Amino acid sequence: MTLMELQVIRKERAARLSLGTEFYCRPRRRRLAVATCLDDYMNANAFGDKRSACWRCPQGCGNRGKYSEGA
């Protein structure tokens, strides 16, 4: 397998995002499922919870965007 083929495979895997997919959450410093991230991100921003780690989190915003593209 060439380097070019490996890069294509990695991009395809990164593009796929399901609710069960886990990732490392930098603000919380632990692994979370995408479903938990989206729930917490949406609740923090909908209710204006500025003390939450999810308030205006760029990682949560990115997860929301990626998930909406794949849905």
PDB file of N, CA and C in Angstrom:
ATOM      1  N   MET A   1       0.828  -1.163   0.000  1.00  0.00           N
ATOM      2  CA  MET A   1       0.000   0.000   0.000  1.00  0.00           C
ATOM      3  C   MET A   1       0.884   1.243   0.000  1.00  0.00           C
ATOM      4  N   THR A   2       0.542   2.191  -0.821  1.00  0.00           N
ATOM      5  CA  THR A   2       1.343   3.404  -0.908  1.00  0.00           C
ATOM      6  C   THR A   2       0.885   4.422   0.132  1.00  0.00           C
ATOM      7  N   LEU A   3       1.694   5.420   0.311  1.00  0.00           N
ATOM      8  CA  LEU A   3       1.373   6.490   1.250  1.00  0.00           C
ATOM      9  C   LEU A   3       0.103   7.219   0.824  1.00  0.00           C
ATOM     10  N   MET A   4      -0.070   7.406  -0.454  1.00  0.00           N
ATOM     11  CA  MET A   4      -1.253   8.091  -0.969  1.00  0.00           C
ATOM     12  C   MET A   4      -2.530   7.312  -0.641  1.00  0.00           C
ATOM     13  N   GLU A   5      -2.474   5.997  -0.787  1.00  0.00           N
ATOM     14  CA  GLU A   5      -3.636   5.163  -0.473  1.00  0.00           C
ATOM     15  C   GLU A   5      -3.959   5.203   1.017  1.00  0.00           C
ATOM     16  N   LEU A   6      -2.930   5.197   1.855  1.00  0.00           N
ATOM     17  CA  LEU A   6      -3.139   5.285   3.297  1.00  0.00           C
ATOM     18  C   LEU A   6      -3.777   6.608   3.688  1.00  0.00           C
ATOM     19  N   GLN A   7      -3.359   7.682   3.065  1.00  0.00           N
ATOM     20  CA  GLN A   7      -3.936   8.985   3.364  1.00  0.00           C
ATOM     21  C   GLN A   7      -5.408   9.043   2.974  1.00  0.00           C
ATOM     22  N   VAL A   8      -5.771   8.435   1.861  1.00  0.00           N
ATOM     23  CA  VAL A   8      -7.166   8.399   1.426  1.00  0.00           C
ATOM     24  C   VAL A   8      -8.008   7.612   2.427  1.00  0.00           C
ATOM     25  N   ILE A   9      -7.487   6.483   2.895  1.00  0.00           N
ATOM     26  CA  ILE A   9      -8.204   5.660   3.866  1.00  0.00           C
ATOM     27  C   ILE A   9      -8.403   6.423   5.165  1.00  0.00           C
ATOM     28  N   ARG A  10      -7.382   7.122   5.634  1.00  0.00           N
ATOM     29  CA  ARG A  10      -7.490   7.899   6.877  1.00  0.00           C
ATOM     30  C   ARG A  10      -8.518   9.009   6.739  1.00  0.00           C
ATOM     31  N   LYS A  11      -8.569   9.661   5.603  1.00  0.00           N
ATOM     32  CA  LYS A  11      -9.552  10.726   5.390  1.00  0.00           C
ATOM     33  C   LYS A  11     -10.965  10.170   5.387  1.00  0.00           C
ATOM     34  N   GLU A  12     -11.159   9.001   4.782  1.00  0.00           N
ATOM     35  CA  GLU A  12     -12.485   8.382   4.756  1.00  0.00           C
ATOM     36  C   GLU A  12     -12.923   7.987   6.165  1.00  0.00           C
ATOM     37  N   ARG A  13     -12.013   7.450   6.954  1.00  0.00           N
ATOM     38  CA  ARG A  13     -12.344   7.072   8.329  1.00  0.00           C
ATOM     39  C   ARG A  13     -12.682   8.302   9.161  1.00  0.00           C
ATOM     40  N   ALA A  14     -11.940   9.374   8.974  1.00  0.00           N
ATOM     41  CA  ALA A  14     -12.189  10.594   9.728  1.00  0.00           C
ATOM     42  C   ALA A  14     -13.524  11.225   9.344  1.00  0.00           C
ATOM     43  N   ALA A  15     -13.935  11.041   8.110  1.00  0.00           N
ATOM     44  CA  ALA A  15     -15.196  11.621   7.652  1.00  0.00           C
ATOM     45  C   ALA A  15     -16.393  10.903   8.258  1.00  0.00           C
ATOM     46  N   ARG A  16     -16.249   9.596   8.555  1.00  0.00           N
ATOM     47  CA  ARG A  16     -17.334   8.831   9.148  1.00  0.00           C
ATOM     48  C   ARG A  16     -17.428   9.141  10.638  1.00  0.00           C
ATOM     49  N   LEU A  17     -18.583   9.548  11.072  1.00  0.00           N
ATOM     50  CA  LEU A  17     -18.772   9.866  12.483  1.00  0.00           C
ATOM     51  C   LEU A  17     -20.147   9.379  12.898  1.00  0.00           C
ATOM     52  N   SER A  18     -20.173   8.431  13.820  1.00  0.00           N
ATOM     53  CA  SER A  18     -21.450   7.933  14.322  1.00  0.00           C
ATOM     54  C   SER A  18     -21.581   8.332  15.790  1.00  0.00           C
ATOM     55  N   LEU A  19     -22.759   8.167  16.339  1.00  0.00           N
ATOM     56  CA  LEU A  19     -22.991   8.565  17.727  1.00  0.00           C
ATOM     57  C   LEU A  19     -22.198   7.723  18.721  1.00  0.00           C
ATOM     58  N   GLY A  20     -21.843   6.513  18.346  1.00  0.00           N
ATOM     59  CA  GLY A  20     -21.091   5.639  19.238  1.00  0.00           C
ATOM     60  C   GLY A  20     -19.588   5.820  19.168  1.00  0.00           C
ATOM     61  N   THR A  21     -19.112   6.590  18.208  1.00  0.00           N
ATOM     62  CA  THR A  21     -17.678   6.813  18.041  1.00  0.00           C
ATOM     63  C   THR A  21     -17.116   7.534  19.262  1.00  0.00           C
ATOM     64  N   GLU A  22     -15.993   7.049  19.765  1.00  0.00           N
ATOM     65  CA  GLU A  22     -15.343   7.704  20.902  1.00  0.00           C
ATOM     66  C   GLU A  22     -14.169   8.536  20.438  1.00  0.00           C
ATOM     67  N   PHE A  23     -13.889   9.586  21.178  1.00  0.00           N
ATOM     68  CA  PHE A  23     -12.765  10.468  20.889  1.00  0.00           C
ATOM     69  C   PHE A  23     -12.263  11.047  22.201  1.00  0.00           C
ATOM     70  N   TYR A  24     -11.074  11.662  22.172  1.00  0.00           N
ATOM     71  CA  TYR A  24     -10.525  12.282  23.373  1.00  0.00           C
ATOM     72  C   TYR A  24     -10.993  13.729  23.445  1.00  0.00           C
ATOM     73  N   CYS A  25     -11.732  14.049  24.485  1.00  0.00           N
ATOM     74  CA  CYS A  25     -12.244  15.407  24.697  1.00  0.00           C
ATOM     75  C   CYS A  25     -11.177  16.209  25.436  1.00  0.00           C
ATOM     76  N   ARG A  26     -10.638  17.215  24.791  1.00  0.00           N
ATOM     77  CA  ARG A  26      -9.582  18.019  25.405  1.00  0.00           C
ATOM     78  C   ARG A  26     -10.069  18.823  26.614  1.00  0.00           C
ATOM     79  N   PRO A  27     -11.215  19.521  26.543  1.00  0.00           N
ATOM     80  CA  PRO A  27     -11.641  20.297  27.718  1.00  0.00           C
ATOM     81  C   PRO A  27     -11.927  19.438  28.954  1.00  0.00           C
ATOM     82  N   ARG A  28     -12.472  18.254  28.751  1.00  0.00           N
ATOM     83  CA  ARG A  28     -12.807  17.388  29.885  1.00  0.00           C
ATOM     84  C   ARG A  28     -11.687  16.419  30.239  1.00  0.00           C
ATOM     85  N   ARG A  29     -10.716  16.285  29.367  1.00  0.00           N
ATOM     86  CA  ARG A  29      -9.556  15.413  29.569  1.00  0.00           C
ATOM     87  C   ARG A  29      -9.944  13.950  29.786  1.00  0.00           C
ATOM     88  N   ARG A  30     -10.852  13.452  28.932  1.00  0.00           N
ATOM     89  CA  ARG A  30     -11.239  12.041  28.975  1.00  0.00           C
ATOM     90  C   ARG A  30     -11.887  11.646  27.661  1.00  0.00           C
ATOM     91  N   ARG A  31     -12.090  10.348  27.477  1.00  0.00           N
ATOM     92  CA  ARG A  31     -12.733   9.836  26.262  1.00  0.00           C
ATOM     93  C   ARG A  31     -14.241   9.935  26.407  1.00  0.00           C
ATOM     94  N   LEU A  32     -14.890  10.411  25.343  1.00  0.00           N
ATOM     95  CA  LEU A  32     -16.342  10.560  25.323  1.00  0.00           C
ATOM     96  C   LEU A  32     -16.902   9.973  24.044  1.00  0.00           C
ATOM     97  N   ALA A  33     -18.143   9.562  24.099  1.00  0.00           N
ATOM     98  CA  ALA A  33     -18.858   9.179  22.885  1.00  0.00           C
ATOM     99  C   ALA A  33     -19.369  10.455  22.227  1.00  0.00           C
ATOM    100  N   VAL A  34     -19.510  10.437  20.933  1.00  0.00           N
ATOM    101  CA  VAL A  34     -19.983  11.613  20.207  1.00  0.00           C
ATOM    102  C   VAL A  34     -21.382  12.003  20.674  1.00  0.00           C
ATOM    103  N   ALA A  35     -22.220  11.019  21.003  1.00  0.00           N
ATOM    104  CA  ALA A  35     -23.581  11.312  21.473  1.00  0.00           C
ATOM    105  C   ALA A  35     -23.548  12.156  22.751  1.00  0.00           C
ATOM    106  N   THR A  36     -22.679  11.797  23.688  1.00  0.00           N
ATOM    107  CA  THR A  36     -22.545  12.550  24.937  1.00  0.00           C
ATOM    108  C   THR A  36     -22.040  13.957  24.667  1.00  0.00           C
ATOM    109  N   CYS A  37     -21.066  14.048  23.792  1.00  0.00           N
ATOM    110  CA  CYS A  37     -20.506  15.353  23.436  1.00  0.00           C
ATOM    111  C   CYS A  37     -21.577  16.260  22.845  1.00  0.00           C
ATOM    112  N   LEU A  38     -22.342  15.738  21.904  1.00  0.00           N
ATOM    113  CA  LEU A  38     -23.376  16.554  21.260  1.00  0.00           C
ATOM    114  C   LEU A  38     -24.444  16.972  22.258  1.00  0.00           C
ATOM    115  N   ASP A  39     -24.869  16.062  23.122  1.00  0.00           N
ATOM    116  CA  ASP A  39     -25.874  16.401  24.131  1.00  0.00           C
ATOM    117  C   ASP A  39     -25.386  17.514  25.049  1.00  0.00           C
ATOM    118  N   ASP A  40     -24.183  17.349  25.570  1.00  0.00           N
ATOM    119  CA  ASP A  40     -23.636  18.329  26.503  1.00  0.00           C
ATOM    120  C   ASP A  40     -23.359  19.669  25.824  1.00  0.00           C
ATOM    121  N   TYR A  41     -22.851  19.626  24.599  1.00  0.00           N
ATOM    122  CA  TYR A  41     -22.568  20.858  23.858  1.00  0.00           C
ATOM    123  C   TYR A  41     -23.856  21.639  23.586  1.00  0.00           C
ATOM    124  N   MET A  42     -24.887  20.918  23.124  1.00  0.00           N
ATOM    125  CA  MET A  42     -26.148  21.581  22.808  1.00  0.00           C
ATOM    126  C   MET A  42     -26.811  22.140  24.068  1.00  0.00           C
ATOM    127  N   ASN A  43     -26.800  21.386  25.168  1.00  0.00           N
ATOM    128  CA  ASN A  43     -27.404  21.866  26.412  1.00  0.00           C
ATOM    129  C   ASN A  43     -26.672  23.082  26.965  1.00  0.00           C
ATOM    130  N   ALA A  44     -25.357  23.055  26.958  1.00  0.00           N
ATOM    131  CA  ALA A  44     -24.585  24.180  27.494  1.00  0.00           C
ATOM    132  C   ALA A  44     -24.835  25.451  26.700  1.00  0.00           C
ATOM    133  N   ASN A  45     -24.925  25.337  25.392  1.00  0.00           N
ATOM    134  CA  ASN A  45     -25.124  26.527  24.575  1.00  0.00           C
ATOM    135  C   ASN A  45     -26.584  26.965  24.522  1.00  0.00           C
ATOM    136  N   ALA A  46     -27.513  26.030  24.603  1.00  0.00           N
ATOM    137  CA  ALA A  46     -28.933  26.388  24.586  1.00  0.00           C
ATOM    138  C   ALA A  46     -29.341  27.088  25.875  1.00  0.00           C
ATOM    139  N   PHE A  47     -28.795  26.634  27.000  1.00  0.00           N
ATOM    140  CA  PHE A  47     -29.163  27.207  28.282  1.00  0.00           C
ATOM    141  C   PHE A  47     -28.168  28.250  28.777  1.00  0.00           C
ATOM    142  N   GLY A  48     -27.140  28.543  28.011  1.00  0.00           N
ATOM    143  CA  GLY A  48     -26.165  29.574  28.374  1.00  0.00           C
ATOM    144  C   GLY A  48     -25.354  29.238  29.606  1.00  0.00           C
ATOM    145  N   ASP A  49     -24.999  27.977  29.779  1.00  0.00           N
ATOM    146  CA  ASP A  49     -24.230  27.529  30.935  1.00  0.00           C
ATOM    147  C   ASP A  49     -22.751  27.827  30.716  1.00  0.00           C
ATOM    148  N   LYS A  50     -22.326  29.011  31.093  1.00  0.00           N
ATOM    149  CA  LYS A  50     -20.953  29.451  30.830  1.00  0.00           C
ATOM    150  C   LYS A  50     -19.926  28.746  31.716  1.00  0.00           C
ATOM    151  N   ARG A  51     -20.365  28.091  32.778  1.00  0.00           N
ATOM    152  CA  ARG A  51     -19.432  27.376  33.646  1.00  0.00           C
ATOM    153  C   ARG A  51     -19.104  25.989  33.121  1.00  0.00           C
ATOM    154  N   SER A  52     -19.847  25.537  32.131  1.00  0.00           N
ATOM    155  CA  SER A  52     -19.633  24.208  31.567  1.00  0.00           C
ATOM    156  C   SER A  52     -18.392  24.183  30.678  1.00  0.00           C
ATOM    157  N   ALA A  53     -17.723  23.043  30.662  1.00  0.00           N
ATOM    158  CA  ALA A  53     -16.562  22.875  29.773  1.00  0.00           C
ATOM    159  C   ALA A  53     -16.993  22.876  28.312  1.00  0.00           C
ATOM    160  N   CYS A  54     -18.273  22.623  28.075  1.00  0.00           N
ATOM    161  CA  CYS A  54     -18.789  22.521  26.708  1.00  0.00           C
ATOM    162  C   CYS A  54     -19.226  23.868  26.132  1.00  0.00           C
ATOM    163  N   TRP A  55     -19.227  24.915  26.930  1.00  0.00           N
ATOM    164  CA  TRP A  55     -19.642  26.235  26.467  1.00  0.00           C
ATOM    165  C   TRP A  55     -18.710  26.716  25.352  1.00  0.00           C
ATOM    166  N   ARG A  56     -19.245  26.887  24.185  1.00  0.00           N
ATOM    167  CA  ARG A  56     -18.511  27.346  23.005  1.00  0.00           C
ATOM    168  C   ARG A  56     -17.262  26.517  22.708  1.00  0.00           C
ATOM    169  N   CYS A  57     -17.350  25.241  22.933  1.00  0.00           N
ATOM    170  CA  CYS A  57     -16.226  24.325  22.709  1.00  0.00           C
ATOM    171  C   CYS A  57     -16.006  24.140  21.203  1.00  0.00           C
ATOM    172  N   PRO A  58     -14.826  24.442  20.680  1.00  0.00           N
ATOM    173  CA  PRO A  58     -14.595  24.267  19.247  1.00  0.00           C
ATOM    174  C   PRO A  58     -14.621  22.799  18.819  1.00  0.00           C
ATOM    175  N   GLN A  59     -14.238  21.911  19.717  1.00  0.00           N
ATOM    176  CA  GLN A  59     -14.256  20.487  19.393  1.00  0.00           C
ATOM    177  C   GLN A  59     -15.701  19.988  19.294  1.00  0.00           C
ATOM    178  N   GLY A  60     -16.574  20.427  20.191  1.00  0.00           N
ATOM    179  CA  GLY A  60     -17.984  20.052  20.143  1.00  0.00           C
ATOM    180  C   GLY A  60     -18.665  20.622  18.908  1.00  0.00           C
ATOM    181  N   CYS A  61     -18.297  21.833  18.556  1.00  0.00           N
ATOM    182  CA  CYS A  61     -18.843  22.456  17.348  1.00  0.00           C
ATOM    183  C   CYS A  61     -18.414  21.676  16.108  1.00  0.00           C
ATOM    184  N   GLY A  62     -17.174  21.248  16.076  1.00  0.00           N
ATOM    185  CA  GLY A  62     -16.668  20.457  14.954  1.00  0.00           C
ATOM    186  C   GLY A  62     -17.359  19.102  14.856  1.00  0.00           C
ATOM    187  N   ASN A  63     -17.573  18.466  16.018  1.00  0.00           N
ATOM    188  CA  ASN A  63     -18.284  17.180  16.035  1.00  0.00           C
ATOM    189  C   ASN A  63     -19.704  17.344  15.518  1.00  0.00           C
ATOM    190  N   ARG A  64     -20.339  18.420  15.907  1.00  0.00           N
ATOM    191  CA  ARG A  64     -21.712  18.676  15.451  1.00  0.00           C
ATOM    192  C   ARG A  64     -21.749  18.852  13.936  1.00  0.00           C
ATOM    193  N   GLY A  65     -20.789  19.572  13.402  1.00  0.00           N
ATOM    194  CA  GLY A  65     -20.713  19.781  11.960  1.00  0.00           C
ATOM    195  C   GLY A  65     -20.447  18.498  11.196  1.00  0.00           C
ATOM    196  N   LYS A  66     -19.497  17.697  11.680  1.00  0.00           N
ATOM    197  CA  LYS A  66     -19.174  16.435  11.018  1.00  0.00           C
ATOM    198  C   LYS A  66     -20.346  15.465  11.059  1.00  0.00           C
ATOM    199  N   TYR A  67     -21.016  15.416  12.210  1.00  0.00           N
ATOM    200  CA  TYR A  67     -22.151  14.500  12.326  1.00  0.00           C
ATOM    201  C   TYR A  67     -23.311  14.926  11.407  1.00  0.00           C
ATOM    202  N   SER A  68     -23.536  16.212  11.292  1.00  0.00           N
ATOM    203  CA  SER A  68     -24.633  16.682  10.430  1.00  0.00           C
ATOM    204  C   SER A  68     -24.318  16.442   8.945  1.00  0.00           C
ATOM    205  N   GLU A  69     -23.053  16.454   8.565  1.00  0.00           N
ATOM    206  CA  GLU A  69     -22.678  16.171   7.169  1.00  0.00           C
ATOM    207  C   GLU A  69     -22.951  14.710   6.821  1.00  0.00           C
ATOM    208  N   GLY A  70     -22.694  13.820   7.772  1.00  0.00           N
ATOM    209  CA  GLY A  70     -22.864  12.398   7.512  1.00  0.00           C
ATOM    210  C   GLY A  70     -24.297  11.916   7.652  1.00  0.00           C
ATOM    211  N   ALA A  71     -25.134  12.698   8.282  1.00  0.00           N
ATOM    212  CA  ALA A  71     -26.520  12.247   8.513  1.00  0.00           C
ATOM    213  C   ALA A  71     -27.405  12.429   7.321  1.00  0.00           C
TER     214      ALA A  71
END
